[in-house]
Amino acid sequence: MRGSEQSGACTREDMKRRLNTSMNTPTGLLPKVLLAMCFVIAPVFCFAQQPSTSLTPPTSGDANDQFATIAGTVVSANTGEPLNKAYVKLSQPGSRGYDSNDHPLAAITDATGHFSIDKIPAGSYDLVVSRVNYMRTLYGQDQLDKPGATLSLAPGQKISDLLFRLHRTAVIAGRVVDEQGDPVQGASVTTLLHETVRGKSLIQRTDEEETNDLGEYRIAGLHPGHYSVVATPPREYYVQENPHQFDEYVPTYYSNTTEVARASTFEVKSGDEISGIDFVLTPRPPTRVYKVRGHVSNSLTDYPDARVVVRLYPRGGPAPSFISDHKQAYPDGKTGNFEIKDVVPGEYIAAALTFGGFRSHSATQTVDVSNADVDGVSLVLTRGIDIPVRVTLEGKSAGSAADVSIALFPSPDETTITLNGPQSAVAQPDGSFLLKDISDGFYSLRVSSKCVECYLKSAKANGVDLLDQGIRVASGAGPASIAAVYSSNTGTVNGAVKNKDDLPAAGVFVALVPDAASRRKFEQLKTSNTDQYGHFEIRGVPPGHYKAFACEKVCPGSYIDPDSVSPVENVAESFDIGANEQKSVQLKMIPATDSAN
């Protein structure tokens, strides 16, 4: 994505300083691989002004004078008009506005776009602004592809001139017709976002809409990026008069190709209204296709009437979607036998899926289709397995087991399809936890609490390091039990970041990269953004050896890739940190160039 104009600063002096700094930013000084480390960590992008940095001290001994106050205005970056009904919220750093505070520090803009929040305890915050049909804005973002800054507030500080410029989301619209020009109702149209992560191309489904009776669709709320679009024929339940009308029709990518590699991609910018993305669905051309046959055994007793479907997912393809182009069949209700027709050669994951009690159950098996029909696929649906988890708390701040939450998160894997979301554990009377009904899939274990200093130090099953290897459940088999250690014996890293002109660098992404052996462990990766003064503080840093990087643009994963880290290790600050230790580091910002991805 390309950056956009800077929003400036909220005082004339700050504006002059920032404009001079931006005009002198060097380009082309670092290898291109460095730039892979530096693109946006936030899921959406927008602009926010910096406040003035002057402090207004308390005027009396009144306790209310110890609270800070902020105020400002929210406008449209596209038109300059003030925006009412925008939601402005302060939250703890890292939560990006999604916290569980029953009494959030928040405000809604009035008809003039103005907002005010008072009685703010001194401290560091994320400041987020959101509104329907606009991209969420973080305080301190001055370009589309840069992170926001942490807002640090001193006791009694008053900031009255914040200005947020929100950018509109984009729209893609068009029609879907058949080969005779007749509108196709109920076709699914999906946008696919094309990104490059760690040097590899990644295609991710973003939004999906169905066509109306005129064959029209409209997909709104899109963020800037490079997209392709695919139209999928209606499922049989949309075509009641002739349920097999579209059996021979194939998914079509814009512009009119059946191969994603040949699909046209186009750039979508803030506020774009892109129309005319039209599709002509046609029957499948004559080609050699095969059948996949097998049997589903369903041992689920809680929901015996729940319908079962078997689907084929291409291995290594985009994330699964329930309304998509995947081949499927419904097993016979009495025998459990199924047959999926018209399967083109390729590598697939066969998944039997059923839903009941607001969750899905699944069983999977890899299937290779080459030059013959495939028989004997066996899928066994079970309620899943129960995995006991015993958590040992370590350190003074770890609290009690009652304060701890445990969950399994699905992880990307080429041999399984995990369609459930995070699976939370149930606390047991003896203080242990039970992960219940875990279906086949590949997972990572997460432990969390209100303890900022805490981290998951270890998780093992039968001597296997689950933080490194992950948790695999296959054919109803997985870890018999898990022993975990949740520790508050961590360190704190603080410091400051300066740019090439030796000025404080606000809104810069700071990453603490552990040694190579720990880079794949979620708990070892620590990041933060600098505040408006170029300062940062990262608590809960597990003991170990680290390299600290400060990037103008950031990447939410490339810094764990040795190929991305090694070329810039000479500009990093190396340090060791022990349990309950505090470190201070001074960093130079790694600048991005106009050619950064």
Foldseek 3Di string as FASTA:
>chain_A
DFKDAFPAALDPVRRVVVVVVVVPDDPPPADQLLLLFFWAPDPFFFHKHYFDPDFDQQPDPDPQLQKEKEKEFEAAPVPRAGDWQKKKFKDAFPCQRDDDDPDTQIFTAHNRRMTMGIRHHFAKTWIWIDDPQWIIYTDQHGIGTFFRFIAGGGTNGYTHYMYTHIFGWEKEKEFEAAPVRQGAWQKKKWKWFWDAHLNRIDTATDDIDTAHNRRMDMDGDHHWGKIKMKIAHHQLVVPVVDSCPCVQKAIAIPPGDRDPVPHDIDTDHTPYYHYHRYYYIYGHDDDDFAKEKEFEAEPDDVCLPWWKKKWKAAFPDYADDPNDRIFIWGADSPGRMTMTIGHDFHKTKIKIWTDDPHWIAIAIFIDGDDRYYHYHDYTYTDLADKAKEDEAEADDQSDALVQKWKWKAADDDRGDHDDTGIFTWDADPVSITMRGSDHFGWTAMAMDGPRQQKGWPFKDAPRDTCLQVTWGAHPRDTGNYIYTYIYSQAEKEKEFEAEPVRAGDGRWKKWWAFPLVCLSGPRQTWIGGHHPRRMDMHHNHAFHKTWMATERGRDPRNSSPCVSPVSCSVQTDIDTDGTHYYYYDYHYYDYHHSPRD
